[in-house]
Amino acid sequence: MAYDPGAIDATLAAAVGDEPALIAELRAAFLDSVQHGLAVLEAARGDVAWREAAFRLRGLAASFGAVRLMAIATEAAEAEAHDAALLRRLRRAVERL
């Protein structure tokens, strides 16, 4: 799966046009939301809470075209809660945003 670092900016530009300041503001809000979503996932208690947090993270990633994060969040939703390898992969994907 390829990682396209420009996908998020392209998605935002398609939504708001050529407004660099607004794109930067929306990108920062997206990154804050992703970090919060990851924190909620890490703090999830039980399989149901884990799955719901993973699906929320996946939806957020999909909304902004973060394909790699979306795919890993999908894997997390289907895995056992607090899968250490998936959490590492999610953290790396978030860092790359």
PDB file of N, CA and C in Angstrom:
ATOM      1  N   MET A   1       0.842  -1.160   0.000  1.00  0.00           N
ATOM      2  CA  MET A   1       0.000   0.000   0.000  1.00  0.00           C
ATOM      3  C   MET A   1       0.897   1.235   0.000  1.00  0.00           C
ATOM      4  N   ALA A   2       0.673   2.110  -0.928  1.00  0.00           N
ATOM      5  CA  ALA A   2       1.496   3.307  -1.042  1.00  0.00           C
ATOM      6  C   ALA A   2       1.001   4.393  -0.099  1.00  0.00           C
ATOM      7  N   TYR A   3       1.913   5.207   0.313  1.00  0.00           N
ATOM      8  CA  TYR A   3       1.573   6.356   1.157  1.00  0.00           C
ATOM      9  C   TYR A   3       1.721   7.603   0.313  1.00  0.00           C
ATOM     10  N   ASP A   4       0.673   8.377   0.213  1.00  0.00           N
ATOM     11  CA  ASP A   4       0.693   9.607  -0.564  1.00  0.00           C
ATOM     12  C   ASP A   4       0.638  10.789   0.393  1.00  0.00           C
ATOM     13  N   PRO A   5       1.791  11.407   0.668  1.00  0.00           N
ATOM     14  CA  PRO A   5       1.811  12.502   1.635  1.00  0.00           C
ATOM     15  C   PRO A   5       0.986  13.708   1.210  1.00  0.00           C
ATOM     16  N   GLY A   6       0.666  13.823  -0.055  1.00  0.00           N
ATOM     17  CA  GLY A   6      -0.118  14.959  -0.517  1.00  0.00           C
ATOM     18  C   GLY A   6      -1.615  14.711  -0.546  1.00  0.00           C
ATOM     19  N   ALA A   7      -2.038  13.501  -0.196  1.00  0.00           N
ATOM     20  CA  ALA A   7      -3.460  13.161  -0.296  1.00  0.00           C
ATOM     21  C   ALA A   7      -4.323  14.028   0.613  1.00  0.00           C
ATOM     22  N   ILE A   8      -3.873  14.258   1.822  1.00  0.00           N
ATOM     23  CA  ILE A   8      -4.667  15.056   2.758  1.00  0.00           C
ATOM     24  C   ILE A   8      -4.795  16.487   2.247  1.00  0.00           C
ATOM     25  N   ASP A   9      -3.685  17.073   1.827  1.00  0.00           N
ATOM     26  CA  ASP A   9      -3.732  18.442   1.314  1.00  0.00           C
ATOM     27  C   ASP A   9      -4.582  18.529   0.050  1.00  0.00           C
ATOM     28  N   ALA A  10      -4.503  17.518  -0.811  1.00  0.00           N
ATOM     29  CA  ALA A  10      -5.316  17.511  -2.025  1.00  0.00           C
ATOM     30  C   ALA A  10      -6.801  17.422  -1.687  1.00  0.00           C
ATOM     31  N   THR A  11      -7.136  16.601  -0.711  1.00  0.00           N
ATOM     32  CA  THR A  11      -8.529  16.482  -0.280  1.00  0.00           C
ATOM     33  C   THR A  11      -9.028  17.810   0.268  1.00  0.00           C
ATOM     34  N   LEU A  12      -8.211  18.449   1.080  1.00  0.00           N
ATOM     35  CA  LEU A  12      -8.596  19.740   1.652  1.00  0.00           C
ATOM     36  C   LEU A  12      -8.706  20.815   0.577  1.00  0.00           C
ATOM     37  N   ALA A  13      -7.767  20.832  -0.361  1.00  0.00           N
ATOM     38  CA  ALA A  13      -7.807  21.825  -1.434  1.00  0.00           C
ATOM     39  C   ALA A  13      -9.057  21.641  -2.293  1.00  0.00           C
ATOM     40  N   ALA A  14      -9.452  20.390  -2.514  1.00  0.00           N
ATOM     41  CA  ALA A  14     -10.669  20.135  -3.288  1.00  0.00           C
ATOM     42  C   ALA A  14     -11.902  20.653  -2.552  1.00  0.00           C
ATOM     43  N   ALA A  15     -11.841  20.618  -1.233  1.00  0.00           N
ATOM     44  CA  ALA A  15     -12.993  21.057  -0.437  1.00  0.00           C
ATOM     45  C   ALA A  15     -13.068  22.573  -0.288  1.00  0.00           C
ATOM     46  N   VAL A  16     -11.923  23.239  -0.138  1.00  0.00           N
ATOM     47  CA  VAL A  16     -11.946  24.674   0.168  1.00  0.00           C
ATOM     48  C   VAL A  16     -11.308  25.552  -0.902  1.00  0.00           C
ATOM     49  N   GLY A  17     -10.733  24.951  -1.913  1.00  0.00           N
ATOM     50  CA  GLY A  17     -10.103  25.735  -2.966  1.00  0.00           C
ATOM     51  C   GLY A  17      -8.692  26.155  -2.598  1.00  0.00           C
ATOM     52  N   ASP A  18      -8.214  27.176  -3.288  1.00  0.00           N
ATOM     53  CA  ASP A  18      -6.837  27.643  -3.106  1.00  0.00           C
ATOM     54  C   ASP A  18      -6.773  28.628  -1.943  1.00  0.00           C
ATOM     55  N   GLU A  19      -6.863  28.086  -0.757  1.00  0.00           N
ATOM     56  CA  GLU A  19      -6.817  28.881   0.474  1.00  0.00           C
ATOM     57  C   GLU A  19      -5.776  28.265   1.405  1.00  0.00           C
ATOM     58  N   PRO A  20      -4.490  28.543   1.187  1.00  0.00           N
ATOM     59  CA  PRO A  20      -3.434  27.888   1.963  1.00  0.00           C
ATOM     60  C   PRO A  20      -3.588  28.012   3.476  1.00  0.00           C
ATOM     61  N   ALA A  21      -4.019  29.161   3.959  1.00  0.00           N
ATOM     62  CA  ALA A  21      -4.160  29.337   5.408  1.00  0.00           C
ATOM     63  C   ALA A  21      -5.271  28.448   5.959  1.00  0.00           C
ATOM     64  N   LEU A  22      -6.375  28.370   5.233  1.00  0.00           N
ATOM     65  CA  LEU A  22      -7.487  27.520   5.663  1.00  0.00           C
ATOM     66  C   LEU A  22      -7.105  26.045   5.583  1.00  0.00           C
ATOM     67  N   ILE A  23      -6.391  25.673   4.530  1.00  0.00           N
ATOM     68  CA  ILE A  23      -5.923  24.290   4.399  1.00  0.00           C
ATOM     69  C   ILE A  23      -5.023  23.935   5.575  1.00  0.00           C
ATOM     70  N   ALA A  24      -4.117  24.828   5.929  1.00  0.00           N
ATOM     71  CA  ALA A  24      -3.211  24.571   7.056  1.00  0.00           C
ATOM     72  C   ALA A  24      -3.988  24.434   8.364  1.00  0.00           C
ATOM     73  N   GLU A  25      -4.989  25.279   8.543  1.00  0.00           N
ATOM     74  CA  GLU A  25      -5.803  25.219   9.763  1.00  0.00           C
ATOM     75  C   GLU A  25      -6.593  23.904   9.834  1.00  0.00           C
ATOM     76  N   LEU A  26      -7.185  23.515   8.717  1.00  0.00           N
ATOM     77  CA  LEU A  26      -7.949  22.263   8.688  1.00  0.00           C
ATOM     78  C   LEU A  26      -7.041  21.049   8.863  1.00  0.00           C
ATOM     79  N   ARG A  27      -5.856  21.121   8.279  1.00  0.00           N
ATOM     80  CA  ARG A  27      -4.891  20.022   8.431  1.00  0.00           C
ATOM     81  C   ARG A  27      -4.499  19.873   9.898  1.00  0.00           C
ATOM     82  N   ALA A  28      -4.253  20.983  10.571  1.00  0.00           N
ATOM     83  CA  ALA A  28      -3.895  20.942  11.995  1.00  0.00           C
ATOM     84  C   ALA A  28      -5.042  20.368  12.823  1.00  0.00           C
ATOM     85  N   ALA A  29      -6.266  20.755  12.492  1.00  0.00           N
ATOM     86  CA  ALA A  29      -7.432  20.213  13.205  1.00  0.00           C
ATOM     87  C   ALA A  29      -7.557  18.714  12.963  1.00  0.00           C
ATOM     88  N   PHE A  30      -7.301  18.286  11.743  1.00  0.00           N
ATOM     89  CA  PHE A  30      -7.326  16.855  11.427  1.00  0.00           C
ATOM     90  C   PHE A  30      -6.282  16.107  12.247  1.00  0.00           C
ATOM     91  N   LEU A  31      -5.066  16.628  12.279  1.00  0.00           N
ATOM     92  CA  LEU A  31      -3.999  15.965  13.036  1.00  0.00           C
ATOM     93  C   LEU A  31      -4.337  15.891  14.523  1.00  0.00           C
ATOM     94  N   ASP A  32      -4.900  16.951  15.073  1.00  0.00           N
ATOM     95  CA  ASP A  32      -5.334  16.927  16.478  1.00  0.00           C
ATOM     96  C   ASP A  32      -6.391  15.849  16.694  1.00  0.00           C
ATOM     97  N   SER A  33      -7.339  15.766  15.780  1.00  0.00           N
ATOM     98  CA  SER A  33      -8.402  14.767  15.896  1.00  0.00           C
ATOM     99  C   SER A  33      -7.857  13.352  15.791  1.00  0.00           C
ATOM    100  N   VAL A  34      -6.902  13.149  14.897  1.00  0.00           N
ATOM    101  CA  VAL A  34      -6.293  11.825  14.747  1.00  0.00           C
ATOM    102  C   VAL A  34      -5.545  11.443  16.018  1.00  0.00           C
ATOM    103  N   GLN A  35      -4.791  12.374  16.570  1.00  0.00           N
ATOM    104  CA  GLN A  35      -4.055  12.075  17.803  1.00  0.00           C
ATOM    105  C   GLN A  35      -5.008  11.771  18.952  1.00  0.00           C
ATOM    106  N   HIS A  36      -6.107  12.502  19.025  1.00  0.00           N
ATOM    107  CA  HIS A  36      -7.118  12.224  20.049  1.00  0.00           C
ATOM    108  C   HIS A  36      -7.742  10.846  19.810  1.00  0.00           C
ATOM    109  N   GLY A  37      -8.052  10.540  18.560  1.00  0.00           N
ATOM    110  CA  GLY A  37      -8.631   9.236  18.226  1.00  0.00           C
ATOM    111  C   GLY A  37      -7.714   8.093  18.589  1.00  0.00           C
ATOM    112  N   LEU A  38      -6.429   8.268  18.360  1.00  0.00           N
ATOM    113  CA  LEU A  38      -5.459   7.241  18.728  1.00  0.00           C
ATOM    114  C   LEU A  38      -5.392   7.093  20.243  1.00  0.00           C
ATOM    115  N   ALA A  39      -5.441   8.200  20.964  1.00  0.00           N
ATOM    116  CA  ALA A  39      -5.426   8.147  22.430  1.00  0.00           C
ATOM    117  C   ALA A  39      -6.660   7.423  22.965  1.00  0.00           C
ATOM    118  N   VAL A  40      -7.810   7.673  22.355  1.00  0.00           N
ATOM    119  CA  VAL A  40      -9.040   6.983  22.764  1.00  0.00           C
ATOM    120  C   VAL A  40      -8.904   5.490  22.498  1.00  0.00           C
ATOM    121  N   LEU A  41      -8.346   5.135  21.355  1.00  0.00           N
ATOM    122  CA  LEU A  41      -8.135   3.723  21.027  1.00  0.00           C
ATOM    123  C   LEU A  41      -7.209   3.068  22.047  1.00  0.00           C
ATOM    124  N   GLU A  42      -6.122   3.744  22.375  1.00  0.00           N
ATOM    125  CA  GLU A  42      -5.164   3.190  23.335  1.00  0.00           C
ATOM    126  C   GLU A  42      -5.777   3.028  24.722  1.00  0.00           C
ATOM    127  N   ALA A  43      -6.725   3.884  25.061  1.00  0.00           N
ATOM    128  CA  ALA A  43      -7.351   3.838  26.388  1.00  0.00           C
ATOM    129  C   ALA A  43      -8.606   2.964  26.425  1.00  0.00           C
ATOM    130  N   ALA A  44      -8.997   2.424  25.283  1.00  0.00           N
ATOM    131  CA  ALA A  44     -10.234   1.642  25.207  1.00  0.00           C
ATOM    132  C   ALA A  44     -10.195   0.462  26.173  1.00  0.00           C
ATOM    133  N   ARG A  45     -11.316   0.280  26.839  1.00  0.00           N
ATOM    134  CA  ARG A  45     -11.447  -0.846  27.772  1.00  0.00           C
ATOM    135  C   ARG A  45     -12.424  -1.842  27.167  1.00  0.00           C
ATOM    136  N   GLY A  46     -11.898  -2.968  26.774  1.00  0.00           N
ATOM    137  CA  GLY A  46     -12.743  -4.016  26.211  1.00  0.00           C
ATOM    138  C   GLY A  46     -12.791  -3.985  24.697  1.00  0.00           C
ATOM    139  N   ASP A  47     -13.243  -5.101  24.151  1.00  0.00           N
ATOM    140  CA  ASP A  47     -13.275  -5.265  22.700  1.00  0.00           C
ATOM    141  C   ASP A  47     -14.235  -4.300  22.008  1.00  0.00           C
ATOM    142  N   VAL A  48     -15.388  -4.061  22.611  1.00  0.00           N
ATOM    143  CA  VAL A  48     -16.380  -3.185  21.978  1.00  0.00           C
ATOM    144  C   VAL A  48     -15.851  -1.757  21.888  1.00  0.00           C
ATOM    145  N   ALA A  49     -15.304  -1.246  22.968  1.00  0.00           N
ATOM    146  CA  ALA A  49     -14.757   0.116  22.962  1.00  0.00           C
ATOM    147  C   ALA A  49     -13.590   0.227  21.987  1.00  0.00           C
ATOM    148  N   TRP A  50     -12.753  -0.796  21.940  1.00  0.00           N
ATOM    149  CA  TRP A  50     -11.622  -0.838  21.004  1.00  0.00           C
ATOM    150  C   TRP A  50     -12.135  -0.762  19.567  1.00  0.00           C
ATOM    151  N   ARG A  51     -13.107  -1.605  19.245  1.00  0.00           N
ATOM    152  CA  ARG A  51     -13.638  -1.663  17.885  1.00  0.00           C
ATOM    153  C   ARG A  51     -14.274  -0.324  17.496  1.00  0.00           C
ATOM    154  N   GLU A  52     -15.062   0.246  18.394  1.00  0.00           N
ATOM    155  CA  GLU A  52     -15.703   1.531  18.098  1.00  0.00           C
ATOM    156  C   GLU A  52     -14.673   2.635  17.877  1.00  0.00           C
ATOM    157  N   ALA A  53     -13.635   2.662  18.699  1.00  0.00           N
ATOM    158  CA  ALA A  53     -12.584   3.678  18.542  1.00  0.00           C
ATOM    159  C   ALA A  53     -11.834   3.483  17.228  1.00  0.00           C
ATOM    160  N   ALA A  54     -11.584   2.227  16.868  1.00  0.00           N
ATOM    161  CA  ALA A  54     -10.890   1.943  15.608  1.00  0.00           C
ATOM    162  C   ALA A  54     -11.742   2.378  14.419  1.00  0.00           C
ATOM    163  N   PHE A  55     -13.038   2.115  14.483  1.00  0.00           N
ATOM    164  CA  PHE A  55     -13.922   2.537  13.390  1.00  0.00           C
ATOM    165  C   PHE A  55     -14.013   4.059  13.296  1.00  0.00           C
ATOM    166  N   ARG A  56     -14.029   4.749  14.428  1.00  0.00           N
ATOM    167  CA  ARG A  56     -14.039   6.222  14.397  1.00  0.00           C
ATOM    168  C   ARG A  56     -12.755   6.749  13.757  1.00  0.00           C
ATOM    169  N   LEU A  57     -11.623   6.148  14.123  1.00  0.00           N
ATOM    170  CA  LEU A  57     -10.348   6.558  13.541  1.00  0.00           C
ATOM    171  C   LEU A  57     -10.337   6.283  12.040  1.00  0.00           C
ATOM    172  N   ARG A  58     -10.880   5.146  11.648  1.00  0.00           N
ATOM    173  CA  ARG A  58     -10.958   4.809  10.226  1.00  0.00           C
ATOM    174  C   ARG A  58     -11.811   5.830   9.477  1.00  0.00           C
ATOM    175  N   GLY A  59     -12.952   6.191  10.039  1.00  0.00           N
ATOM    176  CA  GLY A  59     -13.823   7.164   9.390  1.00  0.00           C
ATOM    177  C   GLY A  59     -13.163   8.523   9.237  1.00  0.00           C
ATOM    178  N   LEU A  60     -12.467   8.936  10.264  1.00  0.00           N
ATOM    179  CA  LEU A  60     -11.743  10.205  10.206  1.00  0.00           C
ATOM    180  C   LEU A  60     -10.681  10.163   9.113  1.00  0.00           C
ATOM    181  N   ALA A  61      -9.918   9.078   9.079  1.00  0.00           N
ATOM    182  CA  ALA A  61      -8.878   8.926   8.060  1.00  0.00           C
ATOM    183  C   ALA A  61      -9.485   8.924   6.660  1.00  0.00           C
ATOM    184  N   ALA A  62     -10.599   8.231   6.490  1.00  0.00           N
ATOM    185  CA  ALA A  62     -11.249   8.163   5.181  1.00  0.00           C
ATOM    186  C   ALA A  62     -11.729   9.540   4.732  1.00  0.00           C
ATOM    187  N   SER A  63     -12.226  10.326   5.661  1.00  0.00           N
ATOM    188  CA  SER A  63     -12.737  11.658   5.329  1.00  0.00           C
ATOM    189  C   SER A  63     -11.666  12.573   4.757  1.00  0.00           C
ATOM    190  N   PHE A  64     -10.421  12.325   5.126  1.00  0.00           N
ATOM    191  CA  PHE A  64      -9.326  13.192   4.695  1.00  0.00           C
ATOM    192  C   PHE A  64      -8.384  12.516   3.706  1.00  0.00           C
ATOM    193  N   GLY A  65      -8.720  11.332   3.256  1.00  0.00           N
ATOM    194  CA  GLY A  65      -7.899  10.652   2.263  1.00  0.00           C
ATOM    195  C   GLY A  65      -6.616  10.058   2.801  1.00  0.00           C
ATOM    196  N   ALA A  66      -6.562   9.802   4.105  1.00  0.00           N
ATOM    197  CA  ALA A  66      -5.377   9.185   4.721  1.00  0.00           C
ATOM    198  C   ALA A  66      -5.519   7.665   4.592  1.00  0.00           C
ATOM    199  N   VAL A  67      -5.217   7.161   3.406  1.00  0.00           N
ATOM    200  CA  VAL A  67      -5.491   5.776   3.037  1.00  0.00           C
ATOM    201  C   VAL A  67      -4.751   4.780   3.924  1.00  0.00           C
ATOM    202  N   ARG A  68      -3.498   5.016   4.196  1.00  0.00           N
ATOM    203  CA  ARG A  68      -2.713   4.081   5.012  1.00  0.00           C
ATOM    204  C   ARG A  68      -3.302   3.977   6.422  1.00  0.00           C
ATOM    205  N   LEU A  69      -3.593   5.111   7.029  1.00  0.00           N
ATOM    206  CA  LEU A  69      -4.178   5.119   8.365  1.00  0.00           C
ATOM    207  C   LEU A  69      -5.540   4.433   8.353  1.00  0.00           C
ATOM    208  N   MET A  70      -6.319   4.675   7.328  1.00  0.00           N
ATOM    209  CA  MET A  70      -7.629   4.055   7.210  1.00  0.00           C
ATOM    210  C   MET A  70      -7.506   2.531   7.160  1.00  0.00           C
ATOM    211  N   ALA A  71      -6.566   2.032   6.382  1.00  0.00           N
ATOM    212  CA  ALA A  71      -6.385   0.585   6.254  1.00  0.00           C
ATOM    213  C   ALA A  71      -5.945  -0.047   7.572  1.00  0.00           C
ATOM    214  N   ILE A  72      -5.035   0.600   8.266  1.00  0.00           N
ATOM    215  CA  ILE A  72      -4.549   0.042   9.537  1.00  0.00           C
ATOM    216  C   ILE A  72      -5.643   0.113  10.596  1.00  0.00           C
ATOM    217  N   ALA A  73      -6.416   1.178  10.604  1.00  0.00           N
ATOM    218  CA  ALA A  73      -7.527   1.286  11.552  1.00  0.00           C
ATOM    219  C   ALA A  73      -8.572   0.206  11.280  1.00  0.00           C
ATOM    220  N   THR A  74      -8.780  -0.125  10.014  1.00  0.00           N
ATOM    221  CA  THR A  74      -9.694  -1.218   9.669  1.00  0.00           C
ATOM    222  C   THR A  74      -9.174  -2.533  10.230  1.00  0.00           C
ATOM    223  N   GLU A  75      -7.883  -2.777  10.064  1.00  0.00           N
ATOM    224  CA  GLU A  75      -7.276  -3.984  10.645  1.00  0.00           C
ATOM    225  C   GLU A  75      -7.465  -4.006  12.155  1.00  0.00           C
ATOM    226  N   ALA A  76      -7.281  -2.857  12.788  1.00  0.00           N
ATOM    227  CA  ALA A  76      -7.415  -2.780  14.244  1.00  0.00           C
ATOM    228  C   ALA A  76      -8.839  -3.113  14.676  1.00  0.00           C
ATOM    229  N   ALA A  77      -9.821  -2.646  13.923  1.00  0.00           N
ATOM    230  CA  ALA A  77     -11.218  -2.915  14.269  1.00  0.00           C
ATOM    231  C   ALA A  77     -11.536  -4.399  14.216  1.00  0.00           C
ATOM    232  N   GLU A  78     -10.795  -5.119  13.401  1.00  0.00           N
ATOM    233  CA  GLU A  78     -11.040  -6.550  13.234  1.00  0.00           C
ATOM    234  C   GLU A  78     -10.132  -7.403  14.111  1.00  0.00           C
ATOM    235  N   ALA A  79      -9.221  -6.779  14.829  1.00  0.00           N
ATOM    236  CA  ALA A  79      -8.243  -7.508  15.647  1.00  0.00           C
ATOM    237  C   ALA A  79      -8.665  -7.502  17.113  1.00  0.00           C
ATOM    238  N   GLU A  80      -7.924  -8.249  17.902  1.00  0.00           N
ATOM    239  CA  GLU A  80      -8.153  -8.228  19.344  1.00  0.00           C
ATOM    240  C   GLU A  80      -7.744  -6.869  19.903  1.00  0.00           C
ATOM    241  N   ALA A  81      -8.415  -6.470  20.963  1.00  0.00           N
ATOM    242  CA  ALA A  81      -8.127  -5.175  21.583  1.00  0.00           C
ATOM    243  C   ALA A  81      -6.671  -5.088  22.019  1.00  0.00           C
ATOM    244  N   HIS A  82      -6.102  -3.928  21.818  1.00  0.00           N
ATOM    245  CA  HIS A  82      -4.740  -3.587  22.251  1.00  0.00           C
ATOM    246  C   HIS A  82      -3.665  -4.471  21.621  1.00  0.00           C
ATOM    247  N   ASP A  83      -3.866  -4.823  20.362  1.00  0.00           N
ATOM    248  CA  ASP A  83      -2.851  -5.566  19.621  1.00  0.00           C
ATOM    249  C   ASP A  83      -1.615  -4.667  19.510  1.00  0.00           C
ATOM    250  N   ALA A  84      -0.528  -5.085  20.134  1.00  0.00           N
ATOM    251  CA  ALA A  84       0.677  -4.243  20.225  1.00  0.00           C
ATOM    252  C   ALA A  84       1.249  -3.897  18.853  1.00  0.00           C
ATOM    253  N   ALA A  85       1.274  -4.859  17.948  1.00  0.00           N
ATOM    254  CA  ALA A  85       1.829  -4.606  16.615  1.00  0.00           C
ATOM    255  C   ALA A  85       0.979  -3.585  15.859  1.00  0.00           C
ATOM    256  N   LEU A  86      -0.329  -3.710  15.966  1.00  0.00           N
ATOM    257  CA  LEU A  86      -1.202  -2.747  15.288  1.00  0.00           C
ATOM    258  C   LEU A  86      -1.079  -1.354  15.894  1.00  0.00           C
ATOM    259  N   LEU A  87      -0.966  -1.277  17.199  1.00  0.00           N
ATOM    260  CA  LEU A  87      -0.777   0.033  17.832  1.00  0.00           C
ATOM    261  C   LEU A  87       0.512   0.691  17.352  1.00  0.00           C
ATOM    262  N   ARG A  88       1.578  -0.080  17.221  1.00  0.00           N
ATOM    263  CA  ARG A  88       2.844   0.477  16.698  1.00  0.00           C
ATOM    264  C   ARG A  88       2.649   0.990  15.278  1.00  0.00           C
ATOM    265  N   ARG A  89       1.970   0.198  14.447  1.00  0.00           N
ATOM    266  CA  ARG A  89       1.737   0.608  13.059  1.00  0.00           C
ATOM    267  C   ARG A  89       0.861   1.858  12.993  1.00  0.00           C
ATOM    268  N   LEU A  90      -0.147   1.926  13.857  1.00  0.00           N
ATOM    269  CA  LEU A  90      -0.998   3.120  13.894  1.00  0.00           C
ATOM    270  C   LEU A  90      -0.204   4.348  14.313  1.00  0.00           C
ATOM    271  N   ARG A  91       0.620   4.203  15.332  1.00  0.00           N
ATOM    272  CA  ARG A  91       1.452   5.339  15.779  1.00  0.00           C
ATOM    273  C   ARG A  91       2.362   5.819  14.653  1.00  0.00           C
ATOM    274  N   ARG A  92       2.976   4.873  13.938  1.00  0.00           N
ATOM    275  CA  ARG A  92       3.856   5.245  12.817  1.00  0.00           C
ATOM    276  C   ARG A  92       3.069   5.965  11.728  1.00  0.00           C
ATOM    277  N   ALA A  93       1.885   5.452  11.422  1.00  0.00           N
ATOM    278  CA  ALA A  93       1.064   6.087  10.382  1.00  0.00           C
ATOM    279  C   ALA A  93       0.686   7.511  10.784  1.00  0.00           C
ATOM    280  N   VAL A  94       0.361   7.708  12.049  1.00  0.00           N
ATOM    281  CA  VAL A  94       0.015   9.048  12.533  1.00  0.00           C
ATOM    282  C   VAL A  94       1.237   9.959  12.470  1.00  0.00           C
ATOM    283  N   GLU A  95       2.393   9.453  12.860  1.00  0.00           N
ATOM    284  CA  GLU A  95       3.622  10.263  12.802  1.00  0.00           C
ATOM    285  C   GLU A  95       3.931  10.709  11.382  1.00  0.00           C
ATOM    286  N   ARG A  96       3.597   9.892  10.403  1.00  0.00           N
ATOM    287  CA  ARG A  96       3.900  10.204   9.006  1.00  0.00           C
ATOM    288  C   ARG A  96       2.947  11.226   8.401  1.00  0.00           C
ATOM    289  N   LEU A  97       1.861  11.480   9.093  1.00  0.00           N
ATOM    290  CA  LEU A  97       0.915  12.470   8.566  1.00  0.00           C
ATOM    291  C   LEU A  97       1.515  13.860   8.658  1.00  0.00           C
TER     292      LEU A  97
END
